[in-house]
């Protein structure tokens, strides 16, 4: 990453957290987030030193025995 000593700041959180921290989300990342959210995934962004470096999506599998709500 080109860092010489010192600690990097790693932040993992949702879109709202990034906005609160003043970290912008570029158009490409926003499109990925929207696509994942439309497919029922919860999304988390990974940022290193104020730059988005990854997106994580998770989705639960609904068990057949789970009650309908």
PDB file of N, CA and C in Angstrom:
ATOM      1  N   UNK A   1       0.820  -1.198   0.000  1.00  0.00           N
ATOM      2  CA  UNK A   1       0.000   0.000   0.000  1.00  0.00           C
ATOM      3  C   UNK A   1       0.861   1.260   0.000  1.00  0.00           C
ATOM      4  N   UNK A   2       2.149   1.124   0.085  1.00  0.00           N
ATOM      5  CA  UNK A   2       3.000   2.292   0.057  1.00  0.00           C
ATOM      6  C   UNK A   2       3.148   2.987   1.402  1.00  0.00           C
ATOM      7  N   UNK A   3       2.734   2.358   2.459  1.00  0.00           N
ATOM      8  CA  UNK A   3       2.770   2.980   3.787  1.00  0.00           C
ATOM      9  C   UNK A   3       4.104   2.662   4.450  1.00  0.00           C
ATOM     10  N   UNK A   4       4.742   3.679   4.982  1.00  0.00           N
ATOM     11  CA  UNK A   4       6.009   3.524   5.689  1.00  0.00           C
ATOM     12  C   UNK A   4       5.772   3.770   7.178  1.00  0.00           C
ATOM     13  N   UNK A   5       5.575   2.706   7.939  1.00  0.00           N
ATOM     14  CA  UNK A   5       5.361   2.847   9.375  1.00  0.00           C
ATOM     15  C   UNK A   5       3.999   3.424   9.698  1.00  0.00           C
ATOM     16  N   UNK A   6       3.650   3.417  10.952  1.00  0.00           N
ATOM     17  CA  UNK A   6       2.357   3.951  11.372  1.00  0.00           C
ATOM     18  C   UNK A   6       1.239   2.965  11.070  1.00  0.00           C
ATOM     19  N   UNK A   7       0.108   3.188  11.701  1.00  0.00           N
ATOM     20  CA  UNK A   7      -1.032   2.292  11.550  1.00  0.00           C
ATOM     21  C   UNK A   7      -1.989   2.812  10.490  1.00  0.00           C
ATOM     22  N   UNK A   8      -2.511   1.899   9.696  1.00  0.00           N
ATOM     23  CA  UNK A   8      -3.539   2.243   8.728  1.00  0.00           C
ATOM     24  C   UNK A   8      -4.887   2.282   9.444  1.00  0.00           C
ATOM     25  N   UNK A   9      -5.798   3.093   8.951  1.00  0.00           N
ATOM     26  CA  UNK A   9      -7.140   3.145   9.519  1.00  0.00           C
ATOM     27  C   UNK A   9      -8.057   2.276   8.678  1.00  0.00           C
ATOM     28  N   UNK A  10      -8.558   1.211   9.288  1.00  0.00           N
ATOM     29  CA  UNK A  10      -9.466   0.292   8.626  1.00  0.00           C
ATOM     30  C   UNK A  10     -10.867   0.542   9.163  1.00  0.00           C
ATOM     31  N   UNK A  11     -11.823   0.676   8.269  1.00  0.00           N
ATOM     32  CA  UNK A  11     -13.208   0.906   8.656  1.00  0.00           C
ATOM     33  C   UNK A  11     -14.093  -0.049   7.872  1.00  0.00           C
ATOM     34  N   UNK A  12     -14.942  -0.774   8.566  1.00  0.00           N
ATOM     35  CA  UNK A  12     -15.909  -1.662   7.934  1.00  0.00           C
ATOM     36  C   UNK A  12     -17.276  -1.241   8.434  1.00  0.00           C
ATOM     37  N   UNK A  13     -18.177  -0.909   7.498  1.00  0.00           N
ATOM     38  CA  UNK A  13     -19.502  -0.474   7.918  1.00  0.00           C
ATOM     39  C   UNK A  13     -20.430  -0.288   6.740  1.00  0.00           C
ATOM     40  N   UNK A  14     -21.618   0.138   7.049  1.00  0.00           N
ATOM     41  CA  UNK A  14     -22.618   0.329   6.002  1.00  0.00           C
ATOM     42  C   UNK A  14     -22.500   1.723   5.377  1.00  0.00           C
ATOM     43  N   UNK A  15     -23.328   1.952   4.389  1.00  0.00           N
ATOM     44  CA  UNK A  15     -23.322   3.215   3.648  1.00  0.00           C
ATOM     45  C   UNK A  15     -23.486   4.417   4.590  1.00  0.00           C
ATOM     46  N   UNK A  16     -24.383   4.299   5.543  1.00  0.00           N
ATOM     47  CA  UNK A  16     -24.651   5.395   6.473  1.00  0.00           C
ATOM     48  C   UNK A  16     -23.402   5.767   7.282  1.00  0.00           C
ATOM     49  N   UNK A  17     -22.668   4.753   7.735  1.00  0.00           N
ATOM     50  CA  UNK A  17     -21.454   5.010   8.507  1.00  0.00           C
ATOM     51  C   UNK A  17     -20.424   5.764   7.670  1.00  0.00           C
ATOM     52  N   UNK A  18     -20.260   5.361   6.427  1.00  0.00           N
ATOM     53  CA  UNK A  18     -19.304   6.055   5.569  1.00  0.00           C
ATOM     54  C   UNK A  18     -19.694   7.511   5.377  1.00  0.00           C
ATOM     55  N   UNK A  19     -20.970   7.761   5.166  1.00  0.00           N
ATOM     56  CA  UNK A  19     -21.442   9.137   5.003  1.00  0.00           C
ATOM     57  C   UNK A  19     -21.156   9.937   6.271  1.00  0.00           C
ATOM     58  N   UNK A  20     -21.443   9.334   7.440  1.00  0.00           N
ATOM     59  CA  UNK A  20     -21.177  10.012   8.712  1.00  0.00           C
ATOM     60  C   UNK A  20     -19.696  10.340   8.878  1.00  0.00           C
ATOM     61  N   UNK A  21     -18.824   9.486   8.359  1.00  0.00           N
ATOM     62  CA  UNK A  21     -17.380   9.682   8.469  1.00  0.00           C
ATOM     63  C   UNK A  21     -16.811  10.554   7.352  1.00  0.00           C
ATOM     64  N   UNK A  22     -17.679  10.994   6.426  1.00  0.00           N
ATOM     65  CA  UNK A  22     -17.224  11.863   5.355  1.00  0.00           C
ATOM     66  C   UNK A  22     -16.499  11.142   4.233  1.00  0.00           C
ATOM     67  N   UNK A  23     -16.725   9.842   4.114  1.00  0.00           N
ATOM     68  CA  UNK A  23     -16.093   9.059   3.053  1.00  0.00           C
ATOM     69  C   UNK A  23     -17.070   8.954   1.893  1.00  0.00           C
ATOM     70  N   UNK A  24     -16.635   9.395   0.731  1.00  0.00           N
ATOM     71  CA  UNK A  24     -17.529   9.371  -0.433  1.00  0.00           C
ATOM     72  C   UNK A  24     -17.543   7.980  -1.065  1.00  0.00           C
ATOM     73  N   UNK A  25     -18.656   7.671  -1.695  1.00  0.00           N
ATOM     74  CA  UNK A  25     -18.836   6.399  -2.394  1.00  0.00           C
ATOM     75  C   UNK A  25     -18.919   6.722  -3.876  1.00  0.00           C
ATOM     76  N   UNK A  26     -17.968   6.185  -4.654  1.00  0.00           N
ATOM     77  CA  UNK A  26     -17.949   6.501  -6.083  1.00  0.00           C
ATOM     78  C   UNK A  26     -19.100   5.797  -6.805  1.00  0.00           C
ATOM     79  N   UNK A  27     -19.346   6.211  -8.046  1.00  0.00           N
ATOM     80  CA  UNK A  27     -20.487   5.714  -8.819  1.00  0.00           C
ATOM     81  C   UNK A  27     -20.414   4.206  -9.039  1.00  0.00           C
ATOM     82  N   UNK A  28     -19.227   3.681  -9.290  1.00  0.00           N
ATOM     83  CA  UNK A  28     -19.077   2.251  -9.533  1.00  0.00           C
ATOM     84  C   UNK A  28     -19.422   1.452  -8.276  1.00  0.00           C
ATOM     85  N   UNK A  29     -18.908   1.884  -7.134  1.00  0.00           N
ATOM     86  CA  UNK A  29     -19.203   1.207  -5.873  1.00  0.00           C
ATOM     87  C   UNK A  29     -20.684   1.327  -5.537  1.00  0.00           C
ATOM     88  N   UNK A  30     -21.267   2.495  -5.791  1.00  0.00           N
ATOM     89  CA  UNK A  30     -22.691   2.695  -5.537  1.00  0.00           C
ATOM     90  C   UNK A  30     -23.533   1.744  -6.383  1.00  0.00           C
ATOM     91  N   UNK A  31     -23.137   1.534  -7.633  1.00  0.00           N
ATOM     92  CA  UNK A  31     -23.864   0.608  -8.512  1.00  0.00           C
ATOM     93  C   UNK A  31     -23.769  -0.823  -7.990  1.00  0.00           C
ATOM     94  N   UNK A  32     -22.595  -1.219  -7.514  1.00  0.00           N
ATOM     95  CA  UNK A  32     -22.414  -2.562  -6.942  1.00  0.00           C
ATOM     96  C   UNK A  32     -23.284  -2.716  -5.705  1.00  0.00           C
ATOM     97  N   UNK A  33     -23.283  -1.710  -4.839  1.00  0.00           N
ATOM     98  CA  UNK A  33     -24.120  -1.754  -3.640  1.00  0.00           C
ATOM     99  C   UNK A  33     -25.592  -1.902  -3.996  1.00  0.00           C
ATOM    100  N   UNK A  34     -26.060  -1.116  -4.942  1.00  0.00           N
ATOM    101  CA  UNK A  34     -27.469  -1.163  -5.345  1.00  0.00           C
ATOM    102  C   UNK A  34     -27.842  -2.540  -5.886  1.00  0.00           C
ATOM    103  N   UNK A  35     -26.973  -3.112  -6.709  1.00  0.00           N
ATOM    104  CA  UNK A  35     -27.234  -4.439  -7.276  1.00  0.00           C
ATOM    105  C   UNK A  35     -27.311  -5.494  -6.179  1.00  0.00           C
ATOM    106  N   UNK A  36     -26.392  -5.426  -5.236  1.00  0.00           N
ATOM    107  CA  UNK A  36     -26.387  -6.398  -4.147  1.00  0.00           C
ATOM    108  C   UNK A  36     -27.618  -6.232  -3.260  1.00  0.00           C
ATOM    109  N   UNK A  37     -27.981  -4.986  -2.956  1.00  0.00           N
ATOM    110  CA  UNK A  37     -29.143  -4.724  -2.108  1.00  0.00           C
ATOM    111  C   UNK A  37     -30.431  -5.162  -2.794  1.00  0.00           C
ATOM    112  N   UNK A  38     -30.508  -5.022  -4.110  1.00  0.00           N
ATOM    113  CA  UNK A  38     -31.699  -5.461  -4.837  1.00  0.00           C
ATOM    114  C   UNK A  38     -31.831  -6.977  -4.841  1.00  0.00           C
ATOM    115  N   UNK A  39     -30.722  -7.683  -4.640  1.00  0.00           N
ATOM    116  CA  UNK A  39     -30.788  -9.143  -4.566  1.00  0.00           C
ATOM    117  C   UNK A  39     -30.853  -9.619  -3.110  1.00  0.00           C
ATOM    118  N   UNK A  40     -31.345  -8.741  -2.232  1.00  0.00           N
ATOM    119  CA  UNK A  40     -31.608  -9.046  -0.814  1.00  0.00           C
ATOM    120  C   UNK A  40     -30.350  -9.327  -0.002  1.00  0.00           C
ATOM    121  N   UNK A  41     -29.235  -8.719  -0.366  1.00  0.00           N
ATOM    122  CA  UNK A  41     -28.012  -8.862   0.413  1.00  0.00           C
ATOM    123  C   UNK A  41     -27.836  -7.643   1.313  1.00  0.00           C
ATOM    124  N   UNK A  42     -27.356  -7.895   2.518  1.00  0.00           N
ATOM    125  CA  UNK A  42     -26.942  -6.802   3.392  1.00  0.00           C
ATOM    126  C   UNK A  42     -25.505  -6.482   3.009  1.00  0.00           C
ATOM    127  N   UNK A  43     -25.190  -5.204   2.880  1.00  0.00           N
ATOM    128  CA  UNK A  43     -23.868  -4.828   2.388  1.00  0.00           C
ATOM    129  C   UNK A  43     -23.039  -4.118   3.452  1.00  0.00           C
ATOM    130  N   UNK A  44     -21.752  -4.353   3.393  1.00  0.00           N
ATOM    131  CA  UNK A  44     -20.772  -3.687   4.241  1.00  0.00           C
ATOM    132  C   UNK A  44     -19.647  -3.227   3.326  1.00  0.00           C
ATOM    133  N   UNK A  45     -19.151  -2.042   3.575  1.00  0.00           N
ATOM    134  CA  UNK A  45     -18.040  -1.512   2.805  1.00  0.00           C
ATOM    135  C   UNK A  45     -16.766  -1.603   3.631  1.00  0.00           C
ATOM    136  N   UNK A  46     -15.665  -1.862   2.963  1.00  0.00           N
ATOM    137  CA  UNK A  46     -14.361  -1.942   3.611  1.00  0.00           C
ATOM    138  C   UNK A  46     -13.544  -0.757   3.111  1.00  0.00           C
ATOM    139  N   UNK A  47     -13.071   0.069   4.046  1.00  0.00           N
ATOM    140  CA  UNK A  47     -12.295   1.262   3.689  1.00  0.00           C
ATOM    141  C   UNK A  47     -10.949   1.215   4.384  1.00  0.00           C
ATOM    142  N   UNK A  48      -9.935   1.648   3.665  1.00  0.00           N
ATOM    143  CA  UNK A  48      -8.594   1.740   4.206  1.00  0.00           C
ATOM    144  C   UNK A  48      -8.113   3.163   3.996  1.00  0.00           C
ATOM    145  N   UNK A  49      -7.820   3.829   5.095  1.00  0.00           N
ATOM    146  CA  UNK A  49      -7.364   5.226   5.046  1.00  0.00           C
ATOM    147  C   UNK A  49      -8.299   6.123   4.226  1.00  0.00           C
ATOM    148  N   UNK A  50      -9.611   5.939   4.426  1.00  0.00           N
ATOM    149  CA  UNK A  50     -10.593   6.811   3.797  1.00  0.00           C
ATOM    150  C   UNK A  50     -10.955   6.459   2.371  1.00  0.00           C
ATOM    151  N   UNK A  51     -10.429   5.355   1.853  1.00  0.00           N
ATOM    152  CA  UNK A  51     -10.733   4.924   0.489  1.00  0.00           C
ATOM    153  C   UNK A  51     -11.439   3.571   0.530  1.00  0.00           C
ATOM    154  N   UNK A  52     -12.525   3.441  -0.224  1.00  0.00           N
ATOM    155  CA  UNK A  52     -13.225   2.174  -0.291  1.00  0.00           C
ATOM    156  C   UNK A  52     -12.385   1.178  -1.077  1.00  0.00           C
ATOM    157  N   UNK A  53     -12.115   0.024  -0.454  1.00  0.00           N
ATOM    158  CA  UNK A  53     -11.294  -0.994  -1.106  1.00  0.00           C
ATOM    159  C   UNK A  53     -12.051  -2.310  -1.317  1.00  0.00           C
ATOM    160  N   UNK A  54     -13.276  -2.385  -0.809  1.00  0.00           N
ATOM    161  CA  UNK A  54     -14.039  -3.613  -0.996  1.00  0.00           C
ATOM    162  C   UNK A  54     -15.468  -3.484  -0.530  1.00  0.00           C
ATOM    163  N   UNK A  55     -16.282  -4.423  -1.001  1.00  0.00           N
ATOM    164  CA  UNK A  55     -17.688  -4.503  -0.615  1.00  0.00           C
ATOM    165  C   UNK A  55     -17.971  -5.959  -0.249  1.00  0.00           C
ATOM    166  N   UNK A  56     -18.657  -6.153   0.868  1.00  0.00           N
ATOM    167  CA  UNK A  56     -19.042  -7.491   1.324  1.00  0.00           C
ATOM    168  C   UNK A  56     -20.564  -7.559   1.319  1.00  0.00           C
ATOM    169  N   UNK A  57     -21.100  -8.631   0.764  1.00  0.00           N
ATOM    170  CA  UNK A  57     -22.543  -8.844   0.781  1.00  0.00           C
ATOM    171  C   UNK A  57     -22.869 -10.160   1.464  1.00  0.00           C
ATOM    172  N   UNK A  58     -23.867 -10.143   2.331  1.00  0.00           N
ATOM    173  CA  UNK A  58     -24.304 -11.366   3.006  1.00  0.00           C
ATOM    174  C   UNK A  58     -25.811 -11.518   2.851  1.00  0.00           C
ATOM    175  N   UNK A  59     -26.223 -12.775   2.801  1.00  0.00           N
ATOM    176  CA  UNK A  59     -27.652 -13.052   2.663  1.00  0.00           C
ATOM    177  C   UNK A  59     -27.946 -14.326   3.443  1.00  0.00           C
ATOM    178  N   UNK A  60     -29.020 -14.301   4.192  1.00  0.00           N
ATOM    179  CA  UNK A  60     -29.455 -15.481   4.927  1.00  0.00           C
ATOM    180  C   UNK A  60     -30.242 -16.400   4.014  1.00  0.00           C
ATOM    181  N   UNK A  61     -30.071 -17.696   4.243  1.00  0.00           N
ATOM    182  CA  UNK A  61     -30.899 -18.683   3.572  1.00  0.00           C
ATOM    183  C   UNK A  61     -32.086 -18.954   4.472  1.00  0.00           C
ATOM    184  N   UNK A  62     -33.276 -18.824   3.935  1.00  0.00           N
ATOM    185  CA  UNK A  62     -34.486 -19.037   4.730  1.00  0.00           C
ATOM    186  C   UNK A  62     -34.719 -20.535   4.869  1.00  0.00           C
ATOM    187  N   UNK A  63     -34.807 -20.960   6.102  1.00  0.00           N
ATOM    188  CA  UNK A  63     -35.050 -22.371   6.384  1.00  0.00           C
ATOM    189  C   UNK A  63     -36.511 -22.713   6.135  1.00  0.00           C
ATOM    190  N   UNK A  64     -36.789 -23.887   5.611  1.00  0.00           N
ATOM    191  CA  UNK A  64     -38.184 -24.285   5.357  1.00  0.00           C
ATOM    192  C   UNK A  64     -39.040 -24.263   6.619  1.00  0.00           C
ATOM    193  N   UNK A  65     -38.447 -24.553   7.776  1.00  0.00           N
ATOM    194  CA  UNK A  65     -39.216 -24.609   9.018  1.00  0.00           C
ATOM    195  C   UNK A  65     -39.441 -23.235   9.654  1.00  0.00           C
ATOM    196  N   UNK A  66     -38.850 -22.196   9.070  1.00  0.00           N
ATOM    197  CA  UNK A  66     -39.033 -20.842   9.616  1.00  0.00           C
ATOM    198  C   UNK A  66     -40.472 -20.393   9.381  1.00  0.00           C
ATOM    199  N   UNK A  67     -41.024 -19.739  10.394  1.00  0.00           N
ATOM    200  CA  UNK A  67     -42.407 -19.269  10.292  1.00  0.00           C
ATOM    201  C   UNK A  67     -42.502 -18.079   9.334  1.00  0.00           C
ATOM    202  N   UNK A  68     -43.577 -18.048   8.563  1.00  0.00           N
ATOM    203  CA  UNK A  68     -43.823 -16.898   7.698  1.00  0.00           C
ATOM    204  C   UNK A  68     -44.230 -15.721   8.560  1.00  0.00           C
ATOM    205  N   UNK A  69     -43.682 -14.534   8.236  1.00  0.00           N
ATOM    206  CA  UNK A  69     -44.049 -13.344   8.986  1.00  0.00           C
ATOM    207  C   UNK A  69     -44.596 -12.297   8.060  1.00  0.00           C
TER     208      UNK A  69
END
